[in-house]
Amino acid sequence: MVRFVKRVRFLFNVRRSVPFLVDFFRSGDVSFVKKGLSVGLVAFYFWLPLDLIPDVFLLLGIVDDLAVFTFILQLMVKMAPEELQKRYELTK
């Protein structure tokens, strides 16, 4: 549970999550498949014409987009090598 709370806090701290993303994609320890899966999930979500909550409802429409982005970023954190997780203090 402590690890989950740390990850959620990390996800909402843009100053730390953007450098993590850069390091994730530049890292030689992260396989091409994991990088491709991450990009593919984001591309698929933008390509998919359906939204859980339509963007016509401004605040609620943005919330479901943030939830999907958070889910994808959470998967990337789990796929990241332990060294990268430790650098950004995402482990216990």
PDB file of N, CA and C in Angstrom:
ATOM      1  N   MET A   1       0.834  -1.195   0.000  1.00  0.00           N
ATOM      2  CA  MET A   1       0.000   0.000   0.000  1.00  0.00           C
ATOM      3  C   MET A   1       0.872   1.250   0.000  1.00  0.00           C
ATOM      4  N   VAL A   2       1.977   1.212   0.724  1.00  0.00           N
ATOM      5  CA  VAL A   2       2.877   2.364   0.790  1.00  0.00           C
ATOM      6  C   VAL A   2       3.464   2.641  -0.590  1.00  0.00           C
ATOM      7  N   ARG A   3       3.825   1.600  -1.309  1.00  0.00           N
ATOM      8  CA  ARG A   3       4.389   1.753  -2.646  1.00  0.00           C
ATOM      9  C   ARG A   3       3.351   2.374  -3.585  1.00  0.00           C
ATOM     10  N   PHE A   4       2.096   1.962  -3.474  1.00  0.00           N
ATOM     11  CA  PHE A   4       1.025   2.501  -4.312  1.00  0.00           C
ATOM     12  C   PHE A   4       0.854   4.005  -4.065  1.00  0.00           C
ATOM     13  N   VAL A   5       0.864   4.406  -2.801  1.00  0.00           N
ATOM     14  CA  VAL A   5       0.707   5.823  -2.463  1.00  0.00           C
ATOM     15  C   VAL A   5       1.879   6.633  -3.020  1.00  0.00           C
ATOM     16  N   LYS A   6       3.101   6.100  -2.919  1.00  0.00           N
ATOM     17  CA  LYS A   6       4.267   6.781  -3.477  1.00  0.00           C
ATOM     18  C   LYS A   6       4.131   6.951  -4.983  1.00  0.00           C
ATOM     19  N   ARG A   7       3.653   5.925  -5.654  1.00  0.00           N
ATOM     20  CA  ARG A   7       3.502   5.990  -7.115  1.00  0.00           C
ATOM     21  C   ARG A   7       2.438   6.998  -7.519  1.00  0.00           C
ATOM     22  N   VAL A   8       1.338   7.032  -6.801  1.00  0.00           N
ATOM     23  CA  VAL A   8       0.279   7.992  -7.130  1.00  0.00           C
ATOM     24  C   VAL A   8       0.783   9.410  -6.922  1.00  0.00           C
ATOM     25  N   ARG A   9       1.480   9.658  -5.831  1.00  0.00           N
ATOM     26  CA  ARG A   9       2.059  10.984  -5.605  1.00  0.00           C
ATOM     27  C   ARG A   9       3.038  11.345  -6.716  1.00  0.00           C
ATOM     28  N   PHE A  10       3.828  10.368  -7.143  1.00  0.00           N
ATOM     29  CA  PHE A  10       4.786  10.579  -8.225  1.00  0.00           C
ATOM     30  C   PHE A  10       4.076  10.942  -9.518  1.00  0.00           C
ATOM     31  N   LEU A  11       2.986  10.264  -9.811  1.00  0.00           N
ATOM     32  CA  LEU A  11       2.257  10.502 -11.057  1.00  0.00           C
ATOM     33  C   LEU A  11       1.747  11.928 -11.158  1.00  0.00           C
ATOM     34  N   PHE A  12       1.375  12.508 -10.038  1.00  0.00           N
ATOM     35  CA  PHE A  12       0.841  13.861 -10.057  1.00  0.00           C
ATOM     36  C   PHE A  12       1.917  14.922  -9.878  1.00  0.00           C
ATOM     37  N   ASN A  13       3.156  14.515  -9.713  1.00  0.00           N
ATOM     38  CA  ASN A  13       4.270  15.453  -9.625  1.00  0.00           C
ATOM     39  C   ASN A  13       4.957  15.501 -10.992  1.00  0.00           C
ATOM     40  N   VAL A  14       4.534  16.420 -11.822  1.00  0.00           N
ATOM     41  CA  VAL A  14       4.996  16.490 -13.209  1.00  0.00           C
ATOM     42  C   VAL A  14       6.500  16.734 -13.285  1.00  0.00           C
ATOM     43  N   ARG A  15       7.049  17.482 -12.358  1.00  0.00           N
ATOM     44  CA  ARG A  15       8.496  17.762 -12.383  1.00  0.00           C
ATOM     45  C   ARG A  15       9.322  16.491 -12.261  1.00  0.00           C
ATOM     46  N   ARG A  16       8.785  15.473 -11.645  1.00  0.00           N
ATOM     47  CA  ARG A  16       9.516  14.213 -11.515  1.00  0.00           C
ATOM     48  C   ARG A  16       9.101  13.192 -12.566  1.00  0.00           C
ATOM     49  N   SER A  17       7.839  13.218 -12.989  1.00  0.00           N
ATOM     50  CA  SER A  17       7.377  12.189 -13.927  1.00  0.00           C
ATOM     51  C   SER A  17       7.892  12.417 -15.340  1.00  0.00           C
ATOM     52  N   VAL A  18       8.059  13.661 -15.766  1.00  0.00           N
ATOM     53  CA  VAL A  18       8.582  13.918 -17.115  1.00  0.00           C
ATOM     54  C   VAL A  18      10.030  13.446 -17.238  1.00  0.00           C
ATOM     55  N   PRO A  19      10.923  13.779 -16.290  1.00  0.00           N
ATOM     56  CA  PRO A  19      12.283  13.217 -16.389  1.00  0.00           C
ATOM     57  C   PRO A  19      12.298  11.686 -16.326  1.00  0.00           C
ATOM     58  N   PHE A  20      11.381  11.097 -15.554  1.00  0.00           N
ATOM     59  CA  PHE A  20      11.282   9.637 -15.523  1.00  0.00           C
ATOM     60  C   PHE A  20      10.961   9.105 -16.908  1.00  0.00           C
ATOM     61  N   LEU A  21       9.999   9.722 -17.588  1.00  0.00           N
ATOM     62  CA  LEU A  21       9.624   9.276 -18.934  1.00  0.00           C
ATOM     63  C   LEU A  21      10.806   9.370 -19.892  1.00  0.00           C
ATOM     64  N   VAL A  22      11.555  10.460 -19.809  1.00  0.00           N
ATOM     65  CA  VAL A  22      12.732  10.628 -20.669  1.00  0.00           C
ATOM     66  C   VAL A  22      13.737   9.523 -20.383  1.00  0.00           C
ATOM     67  N   ASP A  23      14.016   9.281 -19.109  1.00  0.00           N
ATOM     68  CA  ASP A  23      14.968   8.230 -18.736  1.00  0.00           C
ATOM     69  C   ASP A  23      14.449   6.841 -19.125  1.00  0.00           C
ATOM     70  N   PHE A  24      13.148   6.631 -19.011  1.00  0.00           N
ATOM     71  CA  PHE A  24      12.552   5.343 -19.378  1.00  0.00           C
ATOM     72  C   PHE A  24      12.809   5.048 -20.851  1.00  0.00           C
ATOM     73  N   PHE A  25      12.565   6.026 -21.710  1.00  0.00           N
ATOM     74  CA  PHE A  25      12.720   5.790 -23.146  1.00  0.00           C
ATOM     75  C   PHE A  25      14.179   5.823 -23.605  1.00  0.00           C
ATOM     76  N   ARG A  26      15.050   6.451 -22.860  1.00  0.00           N
ATOM     77  CA  ARG A  26      16.473   6.476 -23.215  1.00  0.00           C
ATOM     78  C   ARG A  26      17.242   5.289 -22.654  1.00  0.00           C
ATOM     79  N   SER A  27      16.681   4.635 -21.669  1.00  0.00           N
ATOM     80  CA  SER A  27      17.377   3.552 -20.978  1.00  0.00           C
ATOM     81  C   SER A  27      17.584   2.346 -21.893  1.00  0.00           C
ATOM     82  N   GLY A  28      18.775   1.822 -21.859  1.00  0.00           N
ATOM     83  CA  GLY A  28      19.067   0.595 -22.588  1.00  0.00           C
ATOM     84  C   GLY A  28      18.579  -0.633 -21.845  1.00  0.00           C
ATOM     85  N   ASP A  29      18.255  -0.476 -20.558  1.00  0.00           N
ATOM     86  CA  ASP A  29      17.768  -1.593 -19.748  1.00  0.00           C
ATOM     87  C   ASP A  29      16.289  -1.892 -20.002  1.00  0.00           C
ATOM     88  N   VAL A  30      15.586  -0.945 -20.602  1.00  0.00           N
ATOM     89  CA  VAL A  30      14.172  -1.152 -20.920  1.00  0.00           C
ATOM     90  C   VAL A  30      14.101  -1.716 -22.336  1.00  0.00           C
ATOM     91  N   SER A  31      13.452  -2.851 -22.481  1.00  0.00           N
ATOM     92  CA  SER A  31      13.394  -3.497 -23.792  1.00  0.00           C
ATOM     93  C   SER A  31      12.556  -2.677 -24.772  1.00  0.00           C
ATOM     94  N   PHE A  32      12.843  -2.902 -26.041  1.00  0.00           N
ATOM     95  CA  PHE A  32      12.113  -2.222 -27.111  1.00  0.00           C
ATOM     96  C   PHE A  32      10.630  -2.582 -27.055  1.00  0.00           C
ATOM     97  N   VAL A  33      10.327  -3.796 -26.639  1.00  0.00           N
ATOM     98  CA  VAL A  33       8.937  -4.243 -26.534  1.00  0.00           C
ATOM     99  C   VAL A  33       8.189  -3.424 -25.482  1.00  0.00           C
ATOM    100  N   LYS A  34       8.805  -3.195 -24.339  1.00  0.00           N
ATOM    101  CA  LYS A  34       8.161  -2.405 -23.282  1.00  0.00           C
ATOM    102  C   LYS A  34       7.966  -0.960 -23.719  1.00  0.00           C
ATOM    103  N   LYS A  35       8.956  -0.412 -24.396  1.00  0.00           N
ATOM    104  CA  LYS A  35       8.822   0.960 -24.898  1.00  0.00           C
ATOM    105  C   LYS A  35       7.721   1.026 -25.946  1.00  0.00           C
ATOM    106  N   GLY A  36       7.699   0.052 -26.841  1.00  0.00           N
ATOM    107  CA  GLY A  36       6.676   0.009 -27.880  1.00  0.00           C
ATOM    108  C   GLY A  36       5.280  -0.178 -27.305  1.00  0.00           C
ATOM    109  N   LEU A  37       5.168  -1.015 -26.277  1.00  0.00           N
ATOM    110  CA  LEU A  37       3.881  -1.231 -25.630  1.00  0.00           C
ATOM    111  C   LEU A  37       3.365   0.067 -25.017  1.00  0.00           C
ATOM    112  N   SER A  38       4.246   0.815 -24.377  1.00  0.00           N
ATOM    113  CA  SER A  38       3.859   2.089 -23.763  1.00  0.00           C
ATOM    114  C   SER A  38       3.357   3.069 -24.810  1.00  0.00           C
ATOM    115  N   VAL A  39       4.118   3.226 -25.868  1.00  0.00           N
ATOM    116  CA  VAL A  39       3.721   4.136 -26.943  1.00  0.00           C
ATOM    117  C   VAL A  39       2.445   3.633 -27.611  1.00  0.00           C
ATOM    118  N   GLY A  40       2.355   2.329 -27.799  1.00  0.00           N
ATOM    119  CA  GLY A  40       1.183   1.743 -28.428  1.00  0.00           C
ATOM    120  C   GLY A  40      -0.090   1.964 -27.630  1.00  0.00           C
ATOM    121  N   LEU A  41      -0.005   1.843 -26.313  1.00  0.00           N
ATOM    122  CA  LEU A  41      -1.187   2.076 -25.477  1.00  0.00           C
ATOM    123  C   LEU A  41      -1.676   3.515 -25.588  1.00  0.00           C
ATOM    124  N   VAL A  42      -0.734   4.458 -25.558  1.00  0.00           N
ATOM    125  CA  VAL A  42      -1.115   5.870 -25.686  1.00  0.00           C
ATOM    126  C   VAL A  42      -1.704   6.128 -27.073  1.00  0.00           C
ATOM    127  N   ALA A  43      -1.057   5.625 -28.109  1.00  0.00           N
ATOM    128  CA  ALA A  43      -1.541   5.832 -29.477  1.00  0.00           C
ATOM    129  C   ALA A  43      -2.912   5.193 -29.660  1.00  0.00           C
ATOM    130  N   PHE A  44      -3.115   3.995 -29.125  1.00  0.00           N
ATOM    131  CA  PHE A  44      -4.396   3.317 -29.238  1.00  0.00           C
ATOM    132  C   PHE A  44      -5.497   4.123 -28.559  1.00  0.00           C
ATOM    133  N   TYR A  45      -5.194   4.695 -27.390  1.00  0.00           N
ATOM    134  CA  TYR A  45      -6.207   5.485 -26.682  1.00  0.00           C
ATOM    135  C   TYR A  45      -6.595   6.722 -27.494  1.00  0.00           C
ATOM    136  N   PHE A  46      -5.618   7.384 -28.092  1.00  0.00           N
ATOM    137  CA  PHE A  46      -5.948   8.561 -28.893  1.00  0.00           C
ATOM    138  C   PHE A  46      -6.641   8.177 -30.197  1.00  0.00           C
ATOM    139  N   TRP A  47      -6.331   7.023 -30.741  1.00  0.00           N
ATOM    140  CA  TRP A  47      -6.941   6.562 -31.970  1.00  0.00           C
ATOM    141  C   TRP A  47      -8.375   6.096 -31.738  1.00  0.00           C
ATOM    142  N   LEU A  48      -8.613   5.506 -30.570  1.00  0.00           N
ATOM    143  CA  LEU A  48      -9.926   4.990 -30.234  1.00  0.00           C
ATOM    144  C   LEU A  48     -10.922   6.145 -30.128  1.00  0.00           C
ATOM    145  N   PRO A  49     -12.001   6.116 -30.899  1.00  0.00           N
ATOM    146  CA  PRO A  49     -12.919   7.259 -30.900  1.00  0.00           C
ATOM    147  C   PRO A  49     -13.871   7.309 -29.702  1.00  0.00           C
ATOM    148  N   LEU A  50     -13.819   6.318 -28.837  1.00  0.00           N
ATOM    149  CA  LEU A  50     -14.741   6.290 -27.699  1.00  0.00           C
ATOM    150  C   LEU A  50     -14.082   6.833 -26.444  1.00  0.00           C
ATOM    151  N   ASP A  51     -14.866   7.527 -25.661  1.00  0.00           N
ATOM    152  CA  ASP A  51     -14.425   8.019 -24.362  1.00  0.00           C
ATOM    153  C   ASP A  51     -15.360   7.434 -23.313  1.00  0.00           C
ATOM    154  N   LEU A  52     -14.852   7.192 -22.140  1.00  0.00           N
ATOM    155  CA  LEU A  52     -15.732   6.751 -21.060  1.00  0.00           C
ATOM    156  C   LEU A  52     -16.721   7.857 -20.716  1.00  0.00           C
ATOM    157  N   ILE A  53     -16.196   9.073 -20.624  1.00  0.00           N
ATOM    158  CA  ILE A  53     -17.024  10.261 -20.378  1.00  0.00           C
ATOM    159  C   ILE A  53     -16.697  11.241 -21.504  1.00  0.00           C
ATOM    160  N   PRO A  54     -17.680  11.647 -22.306  1.00  0.00           N
ATOM    161  CA  PRO A  54     -17.402  12.544 -23.431  1.00  0.00           C
ATOM    162  C   PRO A  54     -16.759  13.853 -22.963  1.00  0.00           C
ATOM    163  N   ASP A  55     -15.892  14.395 -23.801  1.00  0.00           N
ATOM    164  CA  ASP A  55     -15.186  15.631 -23.458  1.00  0.00           C
ATOM    165  C   ASP A  55     -16.099  16.856 -23.487  1.00  0.00           C
ATOM    166  N   VAL A  56     -17.342  16.665 -23.891  1.00  0.00           N
ATOM    167  CA  VAL A  56     -18.314  17.765 -23.864  1.00  0.00           C
ATOM    168  C   VAL A  56     -18.523  18.223 -22.421  1.00  0.00           C
ATOM    169  N   PHE A  57     -18.488  17.285 -21.513  1.00  0.00           N
ATOM    170  CA  PHE A  57     -18.577  17.612 -20.092  1.00  0.00           C
ATOM    171  C   PHE A  57     -17.156  17.932 -19.628  1.00  0.00           C
ATOM    172  N   LEU A  58     -16.818  19.214 -19.664  1.00  0.00           N
ATOM    173  CA  LEU A  58     -15.431  19.647 -19.537  1.00  0.00           C
ATOM    174  C   LEU A  58     -14.639  18.967 -18.429  1.00  0.00           C
ATOM    175  N   LEU A  59     -14.989  19.187 -17.212  1.00  0.00           N
ATOM    176  CA  LEU A  59     -14.191  18.661 -16.101  1.00  0.00           C
ATOM    177  C   LEU A  59     -14.227  17.135 -16.056  1.00  0.00           C
ATOM    178  N   LEU A  60     -15.401  16.556 -16.196  1.00  0.00           N
ATOM    179  CA  LEU A  60     -15.513  15.097 -16.145  1.00  0.00           C
ATOM    180  C   LEU A  60     -14.857  14.437 -17.354  1.00  0.00           C
ATOM    181  N   GLY A  61     -14.939  15.087 -18.507  1.00  0.00           N
ATOM    182  CA  GLY A  61     -14.314  14.542 -19.714  1.00  0.00           C
ATOM    183  C   GLY A  61     -12.807  14.480 -19.605  1.00  0.00           C
ATOM    184  N   ILE A  62     -12.239  15.420 -18.894  1.00  0.00           N
ATOM    185  CA  ILE A  62     -10.787  15.447 -18.693  1.00  0.00           C
ATOM    186  C   ILE A  62     -10.372  14.403 -17.663  1.00  0.00           C
ATOM    187  N   VAL A  63     -11.221  14.163 -16.687  1.00  0.00           N
ATOM    188  CA  VAL A  63     -10.896  13.212 -15.619  1.00  0.00           C
ATOM    189  C   VAL A  63     -10.666  11.808 -16.182  1.00  0.00           C
ATOM    190  N   ASP A  64     -11.492  11.365 -17.119  1.00  0.00           N
ATOM    191  CA  ASP A  64     -11.278  10.014 -17.641  1.00  0.00           C
ATOM    192  C   ASP A  64     -10.008   9.951 -18.484  1.00  0.00           C
ATOM    193  N   ASP A  65      -9.657  11.035 -19.178  1.00  0.00           N
ATOM    194  CA  ASP A  65      -8.389  11.063 -19.917  1.00  0.00           C
ATOM    195  C   ASP A  65      -7.203  10.991 -18.955  1.00  0.00           C
ATOM    196  N   LEU A  66      -7.289  11.703 -17.846  1.00  0.00           N
ATOM    197  CA  LEU A  66      -6.229  11.645 -16.834  1.00  0.00           C
ATOM    198  C   LEU A  66      -6.141  10.255 -16.203  1.00  0.00           C
ATOM    199  N   ALA A  67      -7.267   9.617 -16.025  1.00  0.00           N
ATOM    200  CA  ALA A  67      -7.259   8.269 -15.446  1.00  0.00           C
ATOM    201  C   ALA A  67      -6.547   7.287 -16.367  1.00  0.00           C
ATOM    202  N   VAL A  68      -6.799   7.388 -17.659  1.00  0.00           N
ATOM    203  CA  VAL A  68      -6.137   6.493 -18.617  1.00  0.00           C
ATOM    204  C   VAL A  68      -4.645   6.792 -18.656  1.00  0.00           C
ATOM    205  N   PHE A  69      -4.273   8.080 -18.698  1.00  0.00           N
ATOM    206  CA  PHE A  69      -2.861   8.451 -18.689  1.00  0.00           C
ATOM    207  C   PHE A  69      -2.178   7.943 -17.422  1.00  0.00           C
ATOM    208  N   THR A  70      -2.848   8.074 -16.284  1.00  0.00           N
ATOM    209  CA  THR A  70      -2.289   7.599 -15.018  1.00  0.00           C
ATOM    210  C   THR A  70      -2.099   6.090 -15.042  1.00  0.00           C
ATOM    211  N   PHE A  71      -3.047   5.373 -15.596  1.00  0.00           N
ATOM    212  CA  PHE A  71      -2.950   3.919 -15.713  1.00  0.00           C
ATOM    213  C   PHE A  71      -1.743   3.526 -16.564  1.00  0.00           C
ATOM    214  N   ILE A  72      -1.561   4.197 -17.700  1.00  0.00           N
ATOM    215  CA  ILE A  72      -0.438   3.884 -18.587  1.00  0.00           C
ATOM    216  C   ILE A  72       0.885   4.223 -17.916  1.00  0.00           C
ATOM    217  N   LEU A  73       0.948   5.369 -17.244  1.00  0.00           N
ATOM    218  CA  LEU A  73       2.179   5.744 -16.548  1.00  0.00           C
ATOM    219  C   LEU A  73       2.485   4.774 -15.415  1.00  0.00           C
ATOM    220  N   GLN A  74       1.457   4.299 -14.741  1.00  0.00           N
ATOM    221  CA  GLN A  74       1.634   3.304 -13.677  1.00  0.00           C
ATOM    222  C   GLN A  74       2.221   2.010 -14.247  1.00  0.00           C
ATOM    223  N   LEU A  75       1.740   1.595 -15.413  1.00  0.00           N
ATOM    224  CA  LEU A  75       2.308   0.403 -16.059  1.00  0.00           C
ATOM    225  C   LEU A  75       3.776   0.625 -16.418  1.00  0.00           C
ATOM    226  N   MET A  76       4.106   1.815 -16.880  1.00  0.00           N
ATOM    227  CA  MET A  76       5.490   2.112 -17.238  1.00  0.00           C
ATOM    228  C   MET A  76       6.392   2.067 -16.012  1.00  0.00           C
ATOM    229  N   VAL A  77       5.886   2.556 -14.890  1.00  0.00           N
ATOM    230  CA  VAL A  77       6.664   2.502 -13.648  1.00  0.00           C
ATOM    231  C   VAL A  77       6.924   1.056 -13.257  1.00  0.00           C
ATOM    232  N   LYS A  78       5.914   0.212 -13.401  1.00  0.00           N
ATOM    233  CA  LYS A  78       6.084  -1.209 -13.067  1.00  0.00           C
ATOM    234  C   LYS A  78       7.060  -1.903 -14.014  1.00  0.00           C
ATOM    235  N   MET A  79       7.100  -1.483 -15.284  1.00  0.00           N
ATOM    236  CA  MET A  79       7.988  -2.103 -16.268  1.00  0.00           C
ATOM    237  C   MET A  79       9.411  -1.563 -16.191  1.00  0.00           C
ATOM    238  N   ALA A  80       9.603  -0.443 -15.505  1.00  0.00           N
ATOM    239  CA  ALA A  80      10.921   0.179 -15.435  1.00  0.00           C
ATOM    240  C   ALA A  80      11.885  -0.689 -14.634  1.00  0.00           C
ATOM    241  N   PRO A  81      13.164  -0.659 -14.992  1.00  0.00           N
ATOM    242  CA  PRO A  81      14.147  -1.420 -14.214  1.00  0.00           C
ATOM    243  C   PRO A  81      14.225  -0.895 -12.777  1.00  0.00           C
ATOM    244  N   GLU A  82      14.634  -1.763 -11.884  1.00  0.00           N
ATOM    245  CA  GLU A  82      14.682  -1.396 -10.468  1.00  0.00           C
ATOM    246  C   GLU A  82      15.592  -0.196 -10.219  1.00  0.00           C
ATOM    247  N   GLU A  83      16.673  -0.096 -10.956  1.00  0.00           N
ATOM    248  CA  GLU A  83      17.595   1.042 -10.804  1.00  0.00           C
ATOM    249  C   GLU A  83      16.886   2.363 -11.096  1.00  0.00           C
ATOM    250  N   LEU A  84      16.049   2.383 -12.092  1.00  0.00           N
ATOM    251  CA  LEU A  84      15.301   3.585 -12.451  1.00  0.00           C
ATOM    252  C   LEU A  84      14.226   3.877 -11.404  1.00  0.00           C
ATOM    253  N   GLN A  85      13.604   2.839 -10.888  1.00  0.00           N
ATOM    254  CA  GLN A  85      12.607   3.024  -9.830  1.00  0.00           C
ATOM    255  C   GLN A  85      13.257   3.588  -8.571  1.00  0.00           C
ATOM    256  N   LYS A  86      14.449   3.114  -8.242  1.00  0.00           N
ATOM    257  CA  LYS A  86      15.148   3.620  -7.053  1.00  0.00           C
ATOM    258  C   LYS A  86      15.566   5.065  -7.242  1.00  0.00           C
ATOM    259  N   ARG A  87      16.008   5.423  -8.447  1.00  0.00           N
ATOM    260  CA  ARG A  87      16.434   6.790  -8.716  1.00  0.00           C
ATOM    261  C   ARG A  87      15.290   7.775  -8.464  1.00  0.00           C
ATOM    262  N   TYR A  88      14.088   7.373  -8.799  1.00  0.00           N
ATOM    263  CA  TYR A  88      12.920   8.243  -8.605  1.00  0.00           C
ATOM    264  C   TYR A  88      12.122   7.886  -7.366  1.00  0.00           C
ATOM    265  N   GLU A  89      12.728   7.074  -6.498  1.00  0.00           N
ATOM    266  CA  GLU A  89      12.153   6.700  -5.195  1.00  0.00           C
ATOM    267  C   GLU A  89      10.750   6.115  -5.332  1.00  0.00           C
ATOM    268  N   LEU A  90      10.611   5.127  -6.218  1.00  0.00           N
ATOM    269  CA  LEU A  90       9.313   4.504  -6.453  1.00  0.00           C
ATOM    270  C   LEU A  90       9.209   3.130  -5.814  1.00  0.00           C
ATOM    271  N   THR A  91      10.261   2.676  -5.158  1.00  0.00           N
ATOM    272  CA  THR A  91      10.221   1.389  -4.472  1.00  0.00           C
ATOM    273  C   THR A  91      10.031   1.640  -2.980  1.00  0.00           C
ATOM    274  N   LYS A  92       9.868   0.557  -2.243  1.00  0.00           N
ATOM    275  CA  LYS A  92       9.642   0.660  -0.794  1.00  0.00           C
ATOM    276  C   LYS A  92      10.703   1.447  -0.100  1.00  0.00           C
TER     277      LYS A  92
END
